[in-house]
């Protein structure tokens, strides 16, 4: 019997992490409340806190610019491969 791992939505993780950051309940209490292991909640809390710093640092914009540059490079490569494929298909048809 194959068991699959439960996947949690980003919204759920954010809500639970926010509750953990607030500190009204302990990790054990949050784990019981949401049916999630306390180490997962601690991990989500850590990721949320680390993510907040990048929100205010502007590094998100830099990452977006890098991804745009990478996207342009990938589009150029796709174009090159299409041209090569078409050329080789015509050449092999002779």
PDB file of N, CA and C in Angstrom:
ATOM      1  N   UNK A   1       0.845  -1.185   0.000  1.00  0.00           N
ATOM      2  CA  UNK A   1       0.000   0.000   0.000  1.00  0.00           C
ATOM      3  C   UNK A   1       0.886   1.243   0.000  1.00  0.00           C
ATOM      4  N   UNK A   2       0.671   2.079  -0.986  1.00  0.00           N
ATOM      5  CA  UNK A   2       1.490   3.286  -1.120  1.00  0.00           C
ATOM      6  C   UNK A   2       0.778   4.451  -0.448  1.00  0.00           C
ATOM      7  N   UNK A   3       1.503   5.137   0.421  1.00  0.00           N
ATOM      8  CA  UNK A   3       0.931   6.317   1.066  1.00  0.00           C
ATOM      9  C   UNK A   3       1.578   7.547   0.461  1.00  0.00           C
ATOM     10  N   UNK A   4       0.774   8.567   0.249  1.00  0.00           N
ATOM     11  CA  UNK A   4       1.304   9.797  -0.296  1.00  0.00           C
ATOM     12  C   UNK A   4       1.402  10.837   0.804  1.00  0.00           C
ATOM     13  N   UNK A   5       2.357  11.696   0.639  1.00  0.00           N
ATOM     14  CA  UNK A   5       2.588  12.733   1.618  1.00  0.00           C
ATOM     15  C   UNK A   5       1.521  13.811   1.480  1.00  0.00           C
ATOM     16  N   UNK A   6       1.040  14.324   2.590  1.00  0.00           N
ATOM     17  CA  UNK A   6       0.034  15.376   2.558  1.00  0.00           C
ATOM     18  C   UNK A   6       0.703  16.676   2.137  1.00  0.00           C
ATOM     19  N   UNK A   7       0.062  17.372   1.228  1.00  0.00           N
ATOM     20  CA  UNK A   7       0.580  18.654   0.744  1.00  0.00           C
ATOM     21  C   UNK A   7      -0.295  19.764   1.306  1.00  0.00           C
ATOM     22  N   UNK A   8       0.360  20.823   1.737  1.00  0.00           N
ATOM     23  CA  UNK A   8      -0.350  21.953   2.325  1.00  0.00           C
ATOM     24  C   UNK A   8      -0.242  23.142   1.387  1.00  0.00           C
ATOM     25  N   UNK A   9      -1.324  23.891   1.274  1.00  0.00           N
ATOM     26  CA  UNK A   9      -1.325  25.062   0.395  1.00  0.00           C
ATOM     27  C   UNK A   9      -0.460  26.163   1.005  1.00  0.00           C
ATOM     28  N   UNK A  10      -0.046  27.071   0.153  1.00  0.00           N
ATOM     29  CA  UNK A  10       0.767  28.196   0.609  1.00  0.00           C
ATOM     30  C   UNK A  10      -0.027  29.067   1.581  1.00  0.00           C
ATOM     31  N   UNK A  11      -1.340  29.212   1.327  1.00  0.00           N
ATOM     32  CA  UNK A  11      -2.181  30.009   2.228  1.00  0.00           C
ATOM     33  C   UNK A  11      -2.230  29.398   3.620  1.00  0.00           C
ATOM     34  N   UNK A  12      -2.386  28.076   3.669  1.00  0.00           N
ATOM     35  CA  UNK A  12      -2.439  27.387   4.960  1.00  0.00           C
ATOM     36  C   UNK A  12      -1.123  27.555   5.710  1.00  0.00           C
ATOM     37  N   UNK A  13      -0.012  27.345   4.989  1.00  0.00           N
ATOM     38  CA  UNK A  13       1.304  27.486   5.616  1.00  0.00           C
ATOM     39  C   UNK A  13       1.499  28.903   6.151  1.00  0.00           C
ATOM     40  N   UNK A  14       1.071  29.895   5.364  1.00  0.00           N
ATOM     41  CA  UNK A  14       1.235  31.293   5.776  1.00  0.00           C
ATOM     42  C   UNK A  14       0.416  31.587   7.028  1.00  0.00           C
ATOM     43  N   UNK A  15      -0.832  31.086   7.060  1.00  0.00           N
ATOM     44  CA  UNK A  15      -1.673  31.329   8.231  1.00  0.00           C
ATOM     45  C   UNK A  15      -1.078  30.696   9.485  1.00  0.00           C
ATOM     46  N   UNK A  16      -0.624  29.453   9.364  1.00  0.00           N
ATOM     47  CA  UNK A  16      -0.046  28.757  10.518  1.00  0.00           C
ATOM     48  C   UNK A  16       1.256  29.431  10.952  1.00  0.00           C
ATOM     49  N   UNK A  17       2.099  29.818   9.980  1.00  0.00           N
ATOM     50  CA  UNK A  17       3.359  30.494  10.312  1.00  0.00           C
ATOM     51  C   UNK A  17       3.087  31.816  11.010  1.00  0.00           C
ATOM     52  N   UNK A  18       2.073  32.551  10.549  1.00  0.00           N
ATOM     53  CA  UNK A  18       1.727  33.822  11.179  1.00  0.00           C
ATOM     54  C   UNK A  18       1.283  33.614  12.619  1.00  0.00           C
ATOM     55  N   UNK A  19       0.491  32.562  12.848  1.00  0.00           N
ATOM     56  CA  UNK A  19       0.085  32.248  14.219  1.00  0.00           C
ATOM     57  C   UNK A  19       1.304  31.919  15.074  1.00  0.00           C
ATOM     58  N   UNK A  20       2.258  31.201  14.501  1.00  0.00           N
ATOM     59  CA  UNK A  20       3.468  30.845  15.250  1.00  0.00           C
ATOM     60  C   UNK A  20       4.290  32.085  15.562  1.00  0.00           C
ATOM     61  N   UNK A  21       4.359  33.016  14.612  1.00  0.00           N
ATOM     62  CA  UNK A  21       5.114  34.249  14.827  1.00  0.00           C
ATOM     63  C   UNK A  21       4.461  35.085  15.923  1.00  0.00           C
ATOM     64  N   UNK A  22       3.125  35.136  15.918  1.00  0.00           N
ATOM     65  CA  UNK A  22       2.418  35.894  16.956  1.00  0.00           C
ATOM     66  C   UNK A  22       2.755  35.372  18.353  1.00  0.00           C
ATOM     67  N   UNK A  23       2.884  34.058  18.484  1.00  0.00           N
ATOM     68  CA  UNK A  23       3.278  33.473  19.755  1.00  0.00           C
ATOM     69  C   UNK A  23       2.162  33.331  20.778  1.00  0.00           C
ATOM     70  N   UNK A  24       0.903  33.457  20.348  1.00  0.00           N
ATOM     71  CA  UNK A  24      -0.204  33.286  21.290  1.00  0.00           C
ATOM     72  C   UNK A  24      -0.285  31.848  21.789  1.00  0.00           C
ATOM     73  N   UNK A  25       0.056  30.883  20.917  1.00  0.00           N
ATOM     74  CA  UNK A  25       0.043  29.470  21.267  1.00  0.00           C
ATOM     75  C   UNK A  25       1.444  28.903  21.082  1.00  0.00           C
ATOM     76  N   UNK A  26       1.740  27.837  21.807  1.00  0.00           N
ATOM     77  CA  UNK A  26       3.033  27.170  21.621  1.00  0.00           C
ATOM     78  C   UNK A  26       2.994  26.374  20.327  1.00  0.00           C
ATOM     79  N   UNK A  27       4.163  25.933  19.872  1.00  0.00           N
ATOM     80  CA  UNK A  27       4.214  25.114  18.665  1.00  0.00           C
ATOM     81  C   UNK A  27       3.426  23.822  18.842  1.00  0.00           C
ATOM     82  N   UNK A  28       3.498  23.240  20.037  1.00  0.00           N
ATOM     83  CA  UNK A  28       2.758  22.010  20.305  1.00  0.00           C
ATOM     84  C   UNK A  28       1.249  22.259  20.234  1.00  0.00           C
ATOM     85  N   UNK A  29       0.793  23.391  20.764  1.00  0.00           N
ATOM     86  CA  UNK A  29      -0.630  23.720  20.712  1.00  0.00           C
ATOM     87  C   UNK A  29      -1.072  23.978  19.272  1.00  0.00           C
ATOM     88  N   UNK A  30      -0.242  24.673  18.507  1.00  0.00           N
ATOM     89  CA  UNK A  30      -0.559  24.907  17.093  1.00  0.00           C
ATOM     90  C   UNK A  30      -0.589  23.590  16.312  1.00  0.00           C
ATOM     91  N   UNK A  31       0.339  22.697  16.629  1.00  0.00           N
ATOM     92  CA  UNK A  31       0.383  21.403  15.958  1.00  0.00           C
ATOM     93  C   UNK A  31      -0.905  20.615  16.218  1.00  0.00           C
ATOM     94  N   UNK A  32      -1.363  20.628  17.460  1.00  0.00           N
ATOM     95  CA  UNK A  32      -2.606  19.925  17.794  1.00  0.00           C
ATOM     96  C   UNK A  32      -3.803  20.601  17.130  1.00  0.00           C
ATOM     97  N   UNK A  33      -3.798  21.916  17.095  1.00  0.00           N
ATOM     98  CA  UNK A  33      -4.914  22.671  16.520  1.00  0.00           C
ATOM     99  C   UNK A  33      -5.057  22.405  15.022  1.00  0.00           C
ATOM    100  N   UNK A  34      -3.928  22.372  14.296  1.00  0.00           N
ATOM    101  CA  UNK A  34      -3.968  22.255  12.843  1.00  0.00           C
ATOM    102  C   UNK A  34      -3.659  20.853  12.319  1.00  0.00           C
ATOM    103  N   UNK A  35      -3.274  19.935  13.199  1.00  0.00           N
ATOM    104  CA  UNK A  35      -2.968  18.579  12.769  1.00  0.00           C
ATOM    105  C   UNK A  35      -1.688  18.479  11.953  1.00  0.00           C
ATOM    106  N   UNK A  36      -0.719  19.305  12.307  1.00  0.00           N
ATOM    107  CA  UNK A  36       0.566  19.343  11.613  1.00  0.00           C
ATOM    108  C   UNK A  36       1.659  19.143  12.649  1.00  0.00           C
ATOM    109  N   UNK A  37       2.740  18.468  12.272  1.00  0.00           N
ATOM    110  CA  UNK A  37       3.838  18.242  13.215  1.00  0.00           C
ATOM    111  C   UNK A  37       4.501  19.569  13.571  1.00  0.00           C
ATOM    112  N   UNK A  38       4.908  19.703  14.824  1.00  0.00           N
ATOM    113  CA  UNK A  38       5.474  20.975  15.309  1.00  0.00           C
ATOM    114  C   UNK A  38       6.759  21.366  14.597  1.00  0.00           C
ATOM    115  N   UNK A  39       7.541  20.395  14.109  1.00  0.00           N
ATOM    116  CA  UNK A  39       8.764  20.753  13.388  1.00  0.00           C
ATOM    117  C   UNK A  39       8.441  21.402  12.042  1.00  0.00           C
ATOM    118  N   UNK A  40       7.330  20.985  11.431  1.00  0.00           N
ATOM    119  CA  UNK A  40       6.919  21.623  10.172  1.00  0.00           C
ATOM    120  C   UNK A  40       6.529  23.072  10.432  1.00  0.00           C
ATOM    121  N   UNK A  41       5.817  23.300  11.514  1.00  0.00           N
ATOM    122  CA  UNK A  41       5.398  24.660  11.854  1.00  0.00           C
ATOM    123  C   UNK A  41       6.624  25.526  12.125  1.00  0.00           C
ATOM    124  N   UNK A  42       7.601  24.976  12.836  1.00  0.00           N
ATOM    125  CA  UNK A  42       8.831  25.728  13.117  1.00  0.00           C
ATOM    126  C   UNK A  42       9.551  26.059  11.810  1.00  0.00           C
ATOM    127  N   UNK A  43       9.571  25.118  10.865  1.00  0.00           N
ATOM    128  CA  UNK A  43      10.209  25.347   9.578  1.00  0.00           C
ATOM    129  C   UNK A  43       9.477  26.427   8.788  1.00  0.00           C
ATOM    130  N   UNK A  44       8.149  26.371   8.774  1.00  0.00           N
ATOM    131  CA  UNK A  44       7.357  27.389   8.074  1.00  0.00           C
ATOM    132  C   UNK A  44       7.563  28.763   8.700  1.00  0.00           C
ATOM    133  N   UNK A  45       7.654  28.800  10.032  1.00  0.00           N
ATOM    134  CA  UNK A  45       7.869  30.067  10.733  1.00  0.00           C
ATOM    135  C   UNK A  45       9.224  30.658  10.341  1.00  0.00           C
ATOM    136  N   UNK A  46      10.260  29.805  10.322  1.00  0.00           N
ATOM    137  CA  UNK A  46      11.598  30.253   9.949  1.00  0.00           C
ATOM    138  C   UNK A  46      11.607  30.771   8.520  1.00  0.00           C
ATOM    139  N   UNK A  47      10.965  30.047   7.588  1.00  0.00           N
ATOM    140  CA  UNK A  47      10.908  30.479   6.195  1.00  0.00           C
ATOM    141  C   UNK A  47      10.173  31.813   6.058  1.00  0.00           C
ATOM    142  N   UNK A  48       9.105  31.986   6.836  1.00  0.00           N
ATOM    143  CA  UNK A  48       8.333  33.232   6.776  1.00  0.00           C
ATOM    144  C   UNK A  48       9.175  34.408   7.255  1.00  0.00           C
ATOM    145  N   UNK A  49       9.890  34.217   8.358  1.00  0.00           N
ATOM    146  CA  UNK A  49      10.708  35.295   8.904  1.00  0.00           C
ATOM    147  C   UNK A  49      11.837  35.643   7.934  1.00  0.00           C
ATOM    148  N   UNK A  50      12.479  34.618   7.339  1.00  0.00           N
ATOM    149  CA  UNK A  50      13.550  34.871   6.373  1.00  0.00           C
ATOM    150  C   UNK A  50      12.996  35.553   5.119  1.00  0.00           C
ATOM    151  N   UNK A  51      11.793  35.178   4.716  1.00  0.00           N
ATOM    152  CA  UNK A  51      11.176  35.765   3.537  1.00  0.00           C
ATOM    153  C   UNK A  51      10.805  37.218   3.737  1.00  0.00           C
ATOM    154  N   UNK A  52      10.482  37.592   4.984  1.00  0.00           N
ATOM    155  CA  UNK A  52      10.125  38.983   5.251  1.00  0.00           C
ATOM    156  C   UNK A  52      11.294  39.919   4.981  1.00  0.00           C
ATOM    157  N   UNK A  53      12.484  39.489   5.313  1.00  0.00           N
ATOM    158  CA  UNK A  53      13.657  40.338   5.097  1.00  0.00           C
ATOM    159  C   UNK A  53      13.837  40.624   3.608  1.00  0.00           C
ATOM    160  N   UNK A  54      13.628  39.619   2.765  1.00  0.00           N
ATOM    161  CA  UNK A  54      13.799  39.839   1.324  1.00  0.00           C
ATOM    162  C   UNK A  54      12.685  40.713   0.764  1.00  0.00           C
ATOM    163  N   UNK A  55      11.527  40.707   1.397  1.00  0.00           N
ATOM    164  CA  UNK A  55      10.429  41.561   0.954  1.00  0.00           C
ATOM    165  C   UNK A  55      10.807  43.021   1.074  1.00  0.00           C
ATOM    166  N   UNK A  56      11.473  43.376   2.149  1.00  0.00           N
ATOM    167  CA  UNK A  56      11.813  44.769   2.388  1.00  0.00           C
ATOM    168  C   UNK A  56      13.164  45.167   1.816  1.00  0.00           C
ATOM    169  N   UNK A  57      13.979  44.199   1.425  1.00  0.00           N
ATOM    170  CA  UNK A  57      15.311  44.530   0.930  1.00  0.00           C
ATOM    171  C   UNK A  57      15.329  44.855  -0.558  1.00  0.00           C
ATOM    172  N   UNK A  58      14.255  44.537  -1.264  1.00  0.00           N
ATOM    173  CA  UNK A  58      14.216  44.779  -2.699  1.00  0.00           C
ATOM    174  C   UNK A  58      14.893  43.692  -3.499  1.00  0.00           C
ATOM    175  N   UNK A  59      15.343  42.621  -2.844  1.00  0.00           N
ATOM    176  CA  UNK A  59      16.005  41.546  -3.579  1.00  0.00           C
ATOM    177  C   UNK A  59      15.005  40.787  -4.437  1.00  0.00           C
ATOM    178  N   UNK A  60      13.725  40.909  -4.145  1.00  0.00           N
ATOM    179  CA  UNK A  60      12.708  40.294  -4.982  1.00  0.00           C
ATOM    180  C   UNK A  60      12.718  40.895  -6.370  1.00  0.00           C
ATOM    181  N   UNK A  61      12.944  42.215  -6.460  1.00  0.00           N
ATOM    182  CA  UNK A  61      13.034  42.875  -7.756  1.00  0.00           C
ATOM    183  C   UNK A  61      14.264  42.401  -8.521  1.00  0.00           C
ATOM    184  N   UNK A  62      15.369  42.220  -7.814  1.00  0.00           N
ATOM    185  CA  UNK A  62      16.589  41.745  -8.460  1.00  0.00           C
ATOM    186  C   UNK A  62      16.393  40.327  -8.977  1.00  0.00           C
ATOM    187  N   UNK A  63      15.712  39.494  -8.201  1.00  0.00           N
ATOM    188  CA  UNK A  63      15.459  38.122  -8.637  1.00  0.00           C
ATOM    189  C   UNK A  63      14.562  38.121  -9.862  1.00  0.00           C
ATOM    190  N   UNK A  64      13.583  39.021  -9.900  1.00  0.00           N
ATOM    191  CA  UNK A  64      12.689  39.112 -11.047  1.00  0.00           C
ATOM    192  C   UNK A  64      13.462  39.562 -12.287  1.00  0.00           C
ATOM    193  N   UNK A  65      14.395  40.507 -12.117  1.00  0.00           N
ATOM    194  CA  UNK A  65      15.201  40.981 -13.236  1.00  0.00           C
ATOM    195  C   UNK A  65      16.091  39.861 -13.760  1.00  0.00           C
ATOM    196  N   UNK A  66      16.647  39.081 -12.850  1.00  0.00           N
ATOM    197  CA  UNK A  66      17.479  37.954 -13.261  1.00  0.00           C
ATOM    198  C   UNK A  66      16.630  36.953 -14.026  1.00  0.00           C
ATOM    199  N   UNK A  67      15.434  36.679 -13.547  1.00  0.00           N
ATOM    200  CA  UNK A  67      14.597  35.709 -14.227  1.00  0.00           C
ATOM    201  C   UNK A  67      14.179  36.221 -15.593  1.00  0.00           C
ATOM    202  N   UNK A  68      13.964  37.533 -15.761  1.00  0.00           N
ATOM    203  CA  UNK A  68      13.645  38.100 -17.073  1.00  0.00           C
ATOM    204  C   UNK A  68      14.823  37.935 -18.024  1.00  0.00           C
ATOM    205  N   UNK A  69      16.033  38.175 -17.517  1.00  0.00           N
ATOM    206  CA  UNK A  69      17.222  38.013 -18.346  1.00  0.00           C
ATOM    207  C   UNK A  69      17.395  36.549 -18.752  1.00  0.00           C
ATOM    208  N   UNK A  70      17.170  35.642 -17.801  1.00  0.00           N
ATOM    209  CA  UNK A  70      17.273  34.217 -18.102  1.00  0.00           C
ATOM    210  C   UNK A  70      16.207  33.808 -19.108  1.00  0.00           C
ATOM    211  N   UNK A  71      15.029  34.378 -18.989  1.00  0.00           N
ATOM    212  CA  UNK A  71      13.935  34.079 -19.905  1.00  0.00           C
ATOM    213  C   UNK A  71      14.296  34.497 -21.329  1.00  0.00           C
ATOM    214  N   UNK A  72      14.871  35.681 -21.470  1.00  0.00           N
ATOM    215  CA  UNK A  72      15.297  36.148 -22.796  1.00  0.00           C
ATOM    216  C   UNK A  72      16.349  35.210 -23.389  1.00  0.00           C
ATOM    217  N   UNK A  73      17.298  34.781 -22.549  1.00  0.00           N
ATOM    218  CA  UNK A  73      18.343  33.879 -23.013  1.00  0.00           C
ATOM    219  C   UNK A  73      17.747  32.540 -23.450  1.00  0.00           C
ATOM    220  N   UNK A  74      16.774  32.044 -22.690  1.00  0.00           N
ATOM    221  CA  UNK A  74      16.141  30.777 -23.037  1.00  0.00           C
ATOM    222  C   UNK A  74      15.328  30.897 -24.327  1.00  0.00           C
ATOM    223  N   UNK A  75      14.644  32.025 -24.513  1.00  0.00           N
ATOM    224  CA  UNK A  75      13.893  32.227 -25.753  1.00  0.00           C
ATOM    225  C   UNK A  75      14.836  32.244 -26.957  1.00  0.00           C
ATOM    226  N   UNK A  76      15.983  32.893 -26.805  1.00  0.00           N
ATOM    227  CA  UNK A  76      16.965  32.929 -27.890  1.00  0.00           C
ATOM    228  C   UNK A  76      17.471  31.522 -28.197  1.00  0.00           C
ATOM    229  N   UNK A  77      17.722  30.742 -27.176  1.00  0.00           N
ATOM    230  CA  UNK A  77      18.205  29.367 -27.365  1.00  0.00           C
ATOM    231  C   UNK A  77      17.150  28.516 -28.058  1.00  0.00           C
ATOM    232  N   UNK A  78      15.890  28.686 -27.665  1.00  0.00           N
ATOM    233  CA  UNK A  78      14.803  27.940 -28.311  1.00  0.00           C
ATOM    234  C   UNK A  78      14.742  28.289 -29.793  1.00  0.00           C
ATOM    235  N   UNK A  79      14.842  29.569 -30.105  1.00  0.00           N
ATOM    236  CA  UNK A  79      14.835  29.988 -31.506  1.00  0.00           C
ATOM    237  C   UNK A  79      15.974  29.358 -32.291  1.00  0.00           C
ATOM    238  N   UNK A  80      17.157  29.348 -31.693  1.00  0.00           N
ATOM    239  CA  UNK A  80      18.322  28.759 -32.349  1.00  0.00           C
ATOM    240  C   UNK A  80      18.099  27.272 -32.595  1.00  0.00           C
ATOM    241  N   UNK A  81      17.570  26.562 -31.607  1.00  0.00           N
ATOM    242  CA  UNK A  81      17.344  25.121 -31.752  1.00  0.00           C
ATOM    243  C   UNK A  81      16.280  24.824 -32.801  1.00  0.00           C
ATOM    244  N   UNK A  82      15.260  25.659 -32.891  1.00  0.00           N
ATOM    245  CA  UNK A  82      14.224  25.466 -33.906  1.00  0.00           C
ATOM    246  C   UNK A  82      14.821  25.627 -35.299  1.00  0.00           C
ATOM    247  N   UNK A  83      15.644  26.643 -35.483  1.00  0.00           N
ATOM    248  CA  UNK A  83      16.288  26.864 -36.788  1.00  0.00           C
ATOM    249  C   UNK A  83      17.184  25.677 -37.133  1.00  0.00           C
ATOM    250  N   UNK A  84      17.968  25.197 -36.167  1.00  0.00           N
ATOM    251  CA  UNK A  84      18.848  24.052 -36.413  1.00  0.00           C
ATOM    252  C   UNK A  84      18.040  22.809 -36.749  1.00  0.00           C
ATOM    253  N   UNK A  85      16.953  22.592 -36.039  1.00  0.00           N
ATOM    254  CA  UNK A  85      16.105  21.421 -36.285  1.00  0.00           C
ATOM    255  C   UNK A  85      15.517  21.475 -37.693  1.00  0.00           C
ATOM    256  N   UNK A  86      15.015  22.647 -38.085  1.00  0.00           N
ATOM    257  CA  UNK A  86      14.435  22.793 -39.420  1.00  0.00           C
ATOM    258  C   UNK A  86      15.490  22.579 -40.508  1.00  0.00           C
ATOM    259  N   UNK A  87      16.681  23.123 -40.287  1.00  0.00           N
ATOM    260  CA  UNK A  87      17.765  22.954 -41.251  1.00  0.00           C
ATOM    261  C   UNK A  87      18.133  21.477 -41.405  1.00  0.00           C
ATOM    262  N   UNK A  88      18.272  20.791 -40.269  1.00  0.00           N
ATOM    263  CA  UNK A  88      18.661  19.372 -40.321  1.00  0.00           C
ATOM    264  C   UNK A  88      17.557  18.517 -40.927  1.00  0.00           C
ATOM    265  N   UNK A  89      16.282  18.886 -40.681  1.00  0.00           N
ATOM    266  CA  UNK A  89      15.183  18.130 -41.267  1.00  0.00           C
ATOM    267  C   UNK A  89      15.190  18.276 -42.776  1.00  0.00           C
ATOM    268  N   UNK A  90      15.458  19.479 -43.291  1.00  0.00           N
ATOM    269  CA  UNK A  90      15.528  19.691 -44.733  1.00  0.00           C
ATOM    270  C   UNK A  90      16.747  18.986 -45.328  1.00  0.00           C
ATOM    271  N   UNK A  91      17.891  19.048 -44.628  1.00  0.00           N
ATOM    272  CA  UNK A  91      19.114  18.440 -45.125  1.00  0.00           C
ATOM    273  C   UNK A  91      18.991  16.918 -45.181  1.00  0.00           C
ATOM    274  N   UNK A  92      18.334  16.331 -44.227  1.00  0.00           N
ATOM    275  CA  UNK A  92      18.209  14.871 -44.209  1.00  0.00           C
ATOM    276  C   UNK A  92      17.155  14.396 -45.205  1.00  0.00           C
ATOM    277  N   UNK A  93      16.308  15.285 -45.656  1.00  0.00           N
ATOM    278  CA  UNK A  93      15.273  14.921 -46.625  1.00  0.00           C
ATOM    279  C   UNK A  93      15.790  14.803 -48.028  1.00  0.00           C
ATOM    280  N   UNK A  94      17.020  15.236 -48.332  1.00  0.00           N
ATOM    281  CA  UNK A  94      17.582  15.182 -49.686  1.00  0.00           C
ATOM    282  C   UNK A  94      17.937  13.786 -50.082  1.00  0.00           C
TER     283      UNK A  94
END
